[in-house]
């Protein structure tokens, strides 16, 4: 298999991996973007629109709409103590904890079970390789941005 075929296979796997999270979201009756908010809440205990947008490369307006909908449904509220400058931080309400904690727990178990199928050593290696490849792609992107399309 040549490098082009490996890159194509790798990119398809990444897209399909995101698709699996989208399918998981549908099982629980939420959107993929809501899952990203929940994912951030699970890891940080709060979320900030800009951080979610930047981390997952989702338009800020999209994340704004998701958070607004979750607030309107009584799942999120602002927490001034966690604000970052002028950026509002959002945390789960009691209703949000009751409704979303089971989803977060399910997602955690889902990921742990999948990682255990691979094995912790291989999972760590895969993670390190993905981070290394990401860093290399960012370096190449900066080169393209600096020199334009003429490479």
N, C-alpha and C. Protein backbone atom coordinates (compact mmCIF):
# COMPACT_ATOMS: atom_id res chain seq x y z
N UNK A 1 0.86 -1.17 0.00
CA UNK A 1 0.00 0.00 0.00
C UNK A 1 0.90 1.24 0.00
N UNK A 2 0.65 2.16 -0.92
CA UNK A 2 1.48 3.36 -0.97
C UNK A 2 0.95 4.43 -0.02
N UNK A 3 1.72 5.51 0.11
CA UNK A 3 1.40 6.56 1.10
C UNK A 3 0.04 7.21 0.84
N UNK A 4 -0.30 7.41 -0.44
CA UNK A 4 -1.59 8.04 -0.77
C UNK A 4 -2.74 7.15 -0.30
N UNK A 5 -2.64 5.85 -0.54
CA UNK A 5 -3.69 4.93 -0.09
C UNK A 5 -3.79 4.91 1.44
N UNK A 6 -2.65 4.96 2.12
CA UNK A 6 -2.66 4.99 3.58
C UNK A 6 -3.32 6.25 4.10
N UNK A 7 -3.01 7.39 3.49
CA UNK A 7 -3.62 8.66 3.91
C UNK A 7 -5.12 8.64 3.68
N UNK A 8 -5.55 8.13 2.52
CA UNK A 8 -6.99 8.05 2.24
C UNK A 8 -7.69 7.13 3.24
N UNK A 9 -7.09 5.99 3.52
CA UNK A 9 -7.66 5.05 4.47
C UNK A 9 -7.75 5.68 5.87
N UNK A 10 -6.71 6.40 6.24
CA UNK A 10 -6.66 7.07 7.53
C UNK A 10 -7.76 8.13 7.63
N UNK A 11 -7.90 8.96 6.60
CA UNK A 11 -8.92 10.01 6.61
C UNK A 11 -10.33 9.44 6.64
N UNK A 12 -10.56 8.37 5.93
CA UNK A 12 -11.87 7.71 5.96
C UNK A 12 -12.15 7.21 7.38
N UNK A 13 -11.14 6.62 8.01
CA UNK A 13 -11.31 6.12 9.38
C UNK A 13 -11.67 7.25 10.34
N UNK A 14 -11.03 8.41 10.20
CA UNK A 14 -11.32 9.56 11.07
C UNK A 14 -12.76 10.02 10.85
N UNK A 15 -13.17 10.15 9.61
CA UNK A 15 -14.54 10.58 9.30
C UNK A 15 -15.54 9.57 9.84
N UNK A 16 -15.26 8.28 9.68
CA UNK A 16 -16.17 7.26 10.18
C UNK A 16 -16.19 7.24 11.70
N UNK A 17 -15.07 7.53 12.32
CA UNK A 17 -15.01 7.59 13.78
C UNK A 17 -15.94 8.69 14.30
N UNK A 18 -15.88 9.86 13.66
CA UNK A 18 -16.80 10.93 14.05
C UNK A 18 -18.25 10.50 13.79
N UNK A 19 -18.45 9.74 12.72
CA UNK A 19 -19.78 9.24 12.40
C UNK A 19 -20.33 8.31 13.47
N UNK A 20 -19.45 7.52 14.08
CA UNK A 20 -19.88 6.62 15.16
C UNK A 20 -20.39 7.44 16.34
N UNK A 21 -19.71 8.55 16.65
CA UNK A 21 -20.20 9.42 17.73
C UNK A 21 -21.54 10.05 17.35
N UNK A 22 -21.70 10.37 16.09
CA UNK A 22 -22.98 10.92 15.63
C UNK A 22 -24.08 9.88 15.78
N UNK A 23 -23.79 8.63 15.44
CA UNK A 23 -24.77 7.56 15.60
C UNK A 23 -25.08 7.32 17.07
N UNK A 24 -24.07 7.37 17.92
CA UNK A 24 -24.29 7.22 19.36
C UNK A 24 -25.25 8.31 19.83
N UNK A 25 -25.03 9.54 19.36
CA UNK A 25 -25.89 10.67 19.73
C UNK A 25 -27.34 10.41 19.35
N UNK A 26 -27.55 9.88 18.15
CA UNK A 26 -28.91 9.60 17.69
C UNK A 26 -29.61 8.58 18.58
N UNK A 27 -28.86 7.59 19.06
CA UNK A 27 -29.45 6.59 19.96
C UNK A 27 -30.04 7.27 21.18
N UNK A 28 -29.38 8.33 21.65
CA UNK A 28 -29.83 9.05 22.85
C UNK A 28 -30.70 10.26 22.54
N UNK A 29 -31.03 10.44 21.26
CA UNK A 29 -31.96 11.49 20.87
C UNK A 29 -31.38 12.89 20.95
N UNK A 30 -30.06 13.01 20.80
CA UNK A 30 -29.41 14.32 20.82
C UNK A 30 -28.59 14.48 19.54
N UNK A 31 -28.22 15.71 19.25
CA UNK A 31 -27.41 15.97 18.07
C UNK A 31 -25.93 15.73 18.38
N UNK A 32 -25.16 15.56 17.33
CA UNK A 32 -23.71 15.41 17.48
C UNK A 32 -23.12 16.63 18.19
N UNK A 33 -23.60 17.82 17.84
CA UNK A 33 -23.08 19.04 18.47
C UNK A 33 -23.44 19.11 19.95
N UNK A 34 -24.61 18.60 20.33
CA UNK A 34 -24.94 18.52 21.75
C UNK A 34 -23.98 17.57 22.46
N UNK A 35 -23.62 16.49 21.78
CA UNK A 35 -22.65 15.55 22.35
C UNK A 35 -21.32 16.25 22.61
N UNK A 36 -20.91 17.14 21.73
CA UNK A 36 -19.65 17.87 21.95
C UNK A 36 -19.73 18.77 23.18
N UNK A 37 -20.89 19.38 23.39
CA UNK A 37 -21.07 20.19 24.60
C UNK A 37 -21.02 19.29 25.83
N UNK A 38 -21.73 18.17 25.77
CA UNK A 38 -21.73 17.23 26.89
C UNK A 38 -20.32 16.69 27.14
N UNK A 39 -19.61 16.41 26.08
CA UNK A 39 -18.23 15.92 26.19
C UNK A 39 -17.36 16.92 26.95
N UNK A 40 -17.53 18.19 26.62
CA UNK A 40 -16.76 19.25 27.29
C UNK A 40 -17.18 19.36 28.75
N UNK A 41 -18.47 19.31 29.00
CA UNK A 41 -18.96 19.36 30.38
C UNK A 41 -18.41 18.18 31.19
N UNK A 42 -18.36 17.03 30.57
CA UNK A 42 -17.86 15.84 31.26
C UNK A 42 -16.39 16.02 31.64
N UNK A 43 -15.60 16.57 30.74
CA UNK A 43 -14.17 16.66 31.01
C UNK A 43 -13.79 17.86 31.87
N UNK A 44 -14.55 18.97 31.78
CA UNK A 44 -14.18 20.19 32.49
C UNK A 44 -15.14 20.58 33.60
N UNK A 45 -16.36 20.08 33.53
CA UNK A 45 -17.36 20.48 34.51
C UNK A 45 -18.09 21.76 34.12
N UNK A 46 -17.64 22.42 33.09
CA UNK A 46 -18.27 23.62 32.55
C UNK A 46 -17.87 23.72 31.07
N UNK A 47 -18.49 24.63 30.36
CA UNK A 47 -18.12 24.84 28.96
C UNK A 47 -18.21 26.31 28.62
N UNK A 48 -17.39 26.69 27.67
CA UNK A 48 -17.36 28.05 27.13
C UNK A 48 -17.49 27.91 25.61
N UNK A 49 -18.37 28.68 25.01
CA UNK A 49 -18.65 28.54 23.58
C UNK A 49 -17.40 28.57 22.73
N UNK A 50 -16.54 29.54 22.94
CA UNK A 50 -15.34 29.69 22.12
C UNK A 50 -14.43 28.47 22.23
N UNK A 51 -14.30 27.93 23.43
CA UNK A 51 -13.44 26.75 23.61
C UNK A 51 -13.98 25.55 22.85
N UNK A 52 -15.29 25.35 22.89
CA UNK A 52 -15.89 24.22 22.18
C UNK A 52 -15.70 24.42 20.68
N UNK A 53 -15.99 25.62 20.22
CA UNK A 53 -15.85 25.93 18.80
C UNK A 53 -14.41 25.71 18.33
N UNK A 54 -13.46 26.22 19.08
CA UNK A 54 -12.05 26.08 18.69
C UNK A 54 -11.57 24.64 18.79
N UNK A 55 -11.96 23.94 19.83
CA UNK A 55 -11.51 22.56 20.04
C UNK A 55 -12.02 21.61 18.97
N UNK A 56 -13.29 21.76 18.59
CA UNK A 56 -13.91 20.81 17.68
C UNK A 56 -14.11 21.37 16.27
N UNK A 57 -13.64 22.60 16.05
CA UNK A 57 -13.73 23.25 14.74
C UNK A 57 -15.17 23.32 14.24
N UNK A 58 -16.05 23.71 15.14
CA UNK A 58 -17.47 23.89 14.85
C UNK A 58 -17.74 25.40 14.87
N UNK A 59 -18.49 25.93 13.91
CA UNK A 59 -18.77 27.37 13.93
C UNK A 59 -19.35 27.83 15.28
N UNK A 60 -18.91 29.00 15.72
CA UNK A 60 -19.37 29.53 17.01
C UNK A 60 -20.89 29.69 17.05
N UNK A 61 -21.47 30.11 15.94
CA UNK A 61 -22.91 30.29 15.91
C UNK A 61 -23.63 28.96 16.15
N UNK A 62 -23.09 27.89 15.62
CA UNK A 62 -23.68 26.57 15.83
C UNK A 62 -23.66 26.21 17.31
N UNK A 63 -22.51 26.40 17.95
CA UNK A 63 -22.38 26.08 19.37
C UNK A 63 -23.27 27.02 20.19
N UNK A 64 -23.32 28.29 19.80
CA UNK A 64 -24.20 29.24 20.48
C UNK A 64 -25.64 28.73 20.45
N UNK A 65 -26.10 28.28 19.28
CA UNK A 65 -27.47 27.79 19.14
C UNK A 65 -27.72 26.55 19.99
N UNK A 66 -26.74 25.65 20.04
CA UNK A 66 -26.88 24.43 20.85
C UNK A 66 -26.99 24.80 22.32
N UNK A 67 -26.10 25.67 22.79
CA UNK A 67 -26.12 26.07 24.20
C UNK A 67 -27.41 26.82 24.53
N UNK A 68 -27.84 27.69 23.62
CA UNK A 68 -29.10 28.42 23.84
C UNK A 68 -30.27 27.45 23.98
N UNK A 69 -30.31 26.44 23.11
CA UNK A 69 -31.37 25.45 23.18
C UNK A 69 -31.30 24.66 24.48
N UNK A 70 -30.11 24.29 24.90
CA UNK A 70 -29.95 23.54 26.15
C UNK A 70 -30.34 24.40 27.34
N UNK A 71 -30.07 25.70 27.27
CA UNK A 71 -30.51 26.62 28.34
C UNK A 71 -32.03 26.73 28.35
N UNK A 72 -32.62 26.88 27.17
CA UNK A 72 -34.08 26.98 27.07
C UNK A 72 -34.77 25.72 27.59
N UNK A 73 -34.09 24.57 27.47
CA UNK A 73 -34.63 23.31 27.96
C UNK A 73 -34.33 23.09 29.44
N UNK A 74 -33.68 24.09 30.06
CA UNK A 74 -33.40 24.01 31.49
C UNK A 74 -32.24 23.11 31.86
N UNK A 75 -31.37 22.79 30.89
CA UNK A 75 -30.26 21.87 31.15
C UNK A 75 -28.97 22.59 31.55
N UNK A 76 -28.81 23.83 31.09
CA UNK A 76 -27.60 24.60 31.36
C UNK A 76 -27.96 25.94 31.98
N UNK A 77 -27.01 26.49 32.71
CA UNK A 77 -27.13 27.85 33.23
C UNK A 77 -25.73 28.46 33.22
N UNK A 78 -25.67 29.77 33.30
CA UNK A 78 -24.37 30.44 33.36
C UNK A 78 -23.79 30.34 34.76
N UNK A 79 -22.46 30.37 34.83
CA UNK A 79 -21.75 30.34 36.11
C UNK A 79 -20.67 31.41 36.04
N UNK A 80 -20.97 32.58 36.61
CA UNK A 80 -20.07 33.73 36.53
C UNK A 80 -18.69 33.44 37.12
N UNK A 81 -18.62 32.57 38.10
CA UNK A 81 -17.34 32.25 38.74
C UNK A 81 -16.37 31.56 37.78
N UNK A 82 -16.90 30.89 36.77
CA UNK A 82 -16.06 30.16 35.83
C UNK A 82 -15.85 30.92 34.52
N UNK A 83 -16.45 32.11 34.40
CA UNK A 83 -16.27 32.91 33.19
C UNK A 83 -14.78 33.14 32.92
N UNK A 84 -14.46 33.24 31.64
CA UNK A 84 -13.09 33.55 31.22
C UNK A 84 -13.15 34.91 30.53
N UNK A 85 -12.75 35.94 31.25
CA UNK A 85 -12.89 37.30 30.71
C UNK A 85 -14.36 37.60 30.49
N UNK A 86 -14.67 38.00 29.26
CA UNK A 86 -16.07 38.30 28.92
C UNK A 86 -16.82 37.07 28.40
N UNK A 87 -16.13 35.95 28.32
CA UNK A 87 -16.75 34.74 27.80
C UNK A 87 -17.50 34.01 28.92
N UNK A 88 -18.77 33.75 28.67
CA UNK A 88 -19.62 33.10 29.67
C UNK A 88 -19.32 31.61 29.77
N UNK A 89 -19.33 31.14 31.01
CA UNK A 89 -19.19 29.71 31.28
C UNK A 89 -20.57 29.15 31.59
N UNK A 90 -20.79 27.93 31.14
CA UNK A 90 -22.07 27.25 31.35
C UNK A 90 -21.84 25.96 32.11
N UNK A 91 -22.75 25.68 33.03
CA UNK A 91 -22.71 24.45 33.82
C UNK A 91 -24.09 23.80 33.77
N UNK A 92 -24.14 22.56 34.19
CA UNK A 92 -25.41 21.85 34.23
C UNK A 92 -26.28 22.37 35.37
N UNK A 93 -27.55 22.49 35.11
CA UNK A 93 -28.54 22.75 36.17
C UNK A 93 -28.82 21.41 36.86
N UNK A 94 -29.64 21.43 37.89
CA UNK A 94 -30.03 20.16 38.53
C UNK A 94 -30.75 19.27 37.52
N UNK A 95 -31.64 19.87 36.74
CA UNK A 95 -32.33 19.10 35.70
C UNK A 95 -31.33 18.55 34.70
N UNK A 96 -30.35 19.38 34.33
CA UNK A 96 -29.31 18.94 33.39
C UNK A 96 -28.51 17.78 33.94
N UNK A 97 -28.19 17.83 35.23
CA UNK A 97 -27.45 16.73 35.85
C UNK A 97 -28.27 15.45 35.81
N UNK A 98 -29.56 15.58 36.12
CA UNK A 98 -30.42 14.39 36.14
C UNK A 98 -30.56 13.79 34.75
N UNK A 99 -30.70 14.64 33.74
CA UNK A 99 -30.94 14.14 32.39
C UNK A 99 -29.66 13.77 31.64
N UNK A 100 -28.59 14.53 31.87
CA UNK A 100 -27.39 14.34 31.07
C UNK A 100 -26.32 13.47 31.72
N UNK A 101 -26.33 13.35 33.05
CA UNK A 101 -25.33 12.51 33.70
C UNK A 101 -25.39 11.06 33.21
N UNK A 102 -26.59 10.49 33.04
CA UNK A 102 -26.64 9.13 32.51
C UNK A 102 -26.03 9.04 31.10
N UNK A 103 -26.22 10.07 30.29
CA UNK A 103 -25.61 10.08 28.96
C UNK A 103 -24.09 10.15 29.06
N UNK A 104 -23.58 11.01 29.94
CA UNK A 104 -22.14 11.13 30.12
C UNK A 104 -21.56 9.82 30.62
N UNK A 105 -22.25 9.18 31.56
CA UNK A 105 -21.78 7.89 32.08
C UNK A 105 -21.78 6.83 30.98
N UNK A 106 -22.84 6.83 30.17
CA UNK A 106 -22.93 5.88 29.07
C UNK A 106 -21.80 6.10 28.06
N UNK A 107 -21.56 7.36 27.72
CA UNK A 107 -20.50 7.68 26.77
C UNK A 107 -19.14 7.25 27.32
N UNK A 108 -18.91 7.50 28.59
CA UNK A 108 -17.65 7.10 29.21
C UNK A 108 -17.48 5.59 29.13
N UNK A 109 -18.51 4.85 29.49
CA UNK A 109 -18.42 3.38 29.46
C UNK A 109 -18.24 2.87 28.03
N UNK A 110 -18.94 3.47 27.09
CA UNK A 110 -18.84 3.13 25.67
C UNK A 110 -17.39 3.26 25.20
N UNK A 111 -16.76 4.38 25.56
CA UNK A 111 -15.37 4.62 25.15
C UNK A 111 -14.40 3.69 25.87
N UNK A 112 -14.62 3.46 27.14
CA UNK A 112 -13.74 2.54 27.91
C UNK A 112 -13.82 1.14 27.32
N UNK A 113 -15.03 0.69 27.03
CA UNK A 113 -15.19 -0.66 26.47
C UNK A 113 -14.47 -0.78 25.12
N UNK A 114 -14.60 0.24 24.28
CA UNK A 114 -13.92 0.22 22.98
C UNK A 114 -12.40 0.24 23.16
N UNK A 115 -11.91 1.08 24.06
CA UNK A 115 -10.47 1.15 24.31
C UNK A 115 -9.95 -0.17 24.85
N UNK A 116 -10.72 -0.82 25.72
CA UNK A 116 -10.30 -2.12 26.27
C UNK A 116 -10.25 -3.20 25.20
N UNK A 117 -11.09 -3.09 24.17
CA UNK A 117 -11.02 -4.04 23.07
C UNK A 117 -9.68 -3.93 22.35
N UNK A 118 -9.16 -2.73 22.26
CA UNK A 118 -7.89 -2.48 21.59
C UNK A 118 -6.73 -2.87 22.51
N UNK A 119 -6.88 -2.58 23.77
CA UNK A 119 -5.81 -2.80 24.74
C UNK A 119 -5.19 -1.45 25.09
N UNK A 120 -4.89 -1.24 26.36
CA UNK A 120 -4.41 0.07 26.82
C UNK A 120 -3.10 0.46 26.17
N UNK A 121 -2.18 -0.49 25.98
CA UNK A 121 -0.88 -0.17 25.38
C UNK A 121 -1.07 0.31 23.95
N UNK A 122 -1.84 -0.44 23.16
CA UNK A 122 -2.08 -0.03 21.77
C UNK A 122 -2.87 1.27 21.72
N UNK A 123 -3.79 1.45 22.64
CA UNK A 123 -4.58 2.68 22.66
C UNK A 123 -3.68 3.89 22.92
N UNK A 124 -2.75 3.76 23.87
CA UNK A 124 -1.80 4.84 24.14
C UNK A 124 -0.94 5.13 22.92
N UNK A 125 -0.46 4.09 22.26
CA UNK A 125 0.37 4.26 21.07
C UNK A 125 -0.41 4.95 19.96
N UNK A 126 -1.65 4.52 19.75
CA UNK A 126 -2.50 5.13 18.73
C UNK A 126 -2.72 6.61 19.04
N UNK A 127 -2.99 6.90 20.29
CA UNK A 127 -3.22 8.28 20.71
C UNK A 127 -1.98 9.14 20.42
N UNK A 128 -0.81 8.62 20.78
CA UNK A 128 0.42 9.37 20.55
C UNK A 128 0.68 9.58 19.06
N UNK A 129 0.40 8.56 18.25
CA UNK A 129 0.59 8.69 16.81
C UNK A 129 -0.37 9.73 16.22
N UNK A 130 -1.61 9.73 16.69
CA UNK A 130 -2.58 10.72 16.20
C UNK A 130 -2.14 12.14 16.56
N UNK A 131 -1.67 12.32 17.77
CA UNK A 131 -1.19 13.64 18.19
C UNK A 131 0.03 14.07 17.37
N UNK A 132 0.91 13.15 17.08
CA UNK A 132 2.10 13.45 16.28
C UNK A 132 1.69 13.81 14.85
N UNK A 133 0.76 13.05 14.27
CA UNK A 133 0.29 13.35 12.92
C UNK A 133 -0.42 14.69 12.87
N UNK A 134 -1.23 14.98 13.89
CA UNK A 134 -1.92 16.27 13.96
C UNK A 134 -0.90 17.41 13.98
N UNK A 135 0.13 17.28 14.78
CA UNK A 135 1.17 18.31 14.87
C UNK A 135 1.86 18.51 13.52
N UNK A 136 2.13 17.40 12.83
CA UNK A 136 2.76 17.49 11.50
C UNK A 136 1.84 18.18 10.51
N UNK A 137 0.55 17.86 10.54
CA UNK A 137 -0.41 18.52 9.63
C UNK A 137 -0.50 20.01 9.91
N UNK A 138 -0.51 20.40 11.18
CA UNK A 138 -0.56 21.82 11.54
C UNK A 138 0.69 22.53 11.02
N UNK A 139 1.84 21.89 11.17
CA UNK A 139 3.09 22.47 10.65
C UNK A 139 3.01 22.67 9.15
N UNK A 140 2.51 21.67 8.44
CA UNK A 140 2.37 21.77 6.98
C UNK A 140 1.36 22.85 6.58
N UNK A 141 0.27 22.95 7.34
CA UNK A 141 -0.73 23.98 7.06
C UNK A 141 -0.13 25.36 7.21
N UNK A 142 0.65 25.57 8.25
CA UNK A 142 1.31 26.87 8.45
C UNK A 142 2.22 27.19 7.27
N UNK A 143 2.89 26.19 6.76
CA UNK A 143 3.76 26.38 5.59
C UNK A 143 2.94 26.80 4.36
N UNK A 144 1.81 26.15 4.16
CA UNK A 144 0.93 26.51 3.04
C UNK A 144 0.40 27.93 3.23
N UNK A 145 0.00 28.27 4.45
CA UNK A 145 -0.51 29.62 4.73
C UNK A 145 0.57 30.67 4.51
N UNK A 146 1.78 30.33 4.85
CA UNK A 146 2.89 31.28 4.70
C UNK A 146 3.28 31.46 3.22
N UNK A 147 3.28 30.37 2.47
CA UNK A 147 3.77 30.41 1.10
C UNK A 147 2.66 30.40 0.05
N UNK A 148 1.44 30.29 0.48
CA UNK A 148 0.35 30.22 -0.47
C UNK A 148 0.26 28.83 -1.07
N UNK A 149 -0.45 28.73 -2.16
CA UNK A 149 -0.68 27.42 -2.78
C UNK A 149 0.49 26.93 -3.60
N UNK A 150 1.48 27.78 -3.82
CA UNK A 150 2.64 27.37 -4.61
C UNK A 150 3.64 26.64 -3.74
N UNK A 151 3.62 25.35 -3.82
CA UNK A 151 4.54 24.53 -3.00
C UNK A 151 5.40 23.70 -3.84
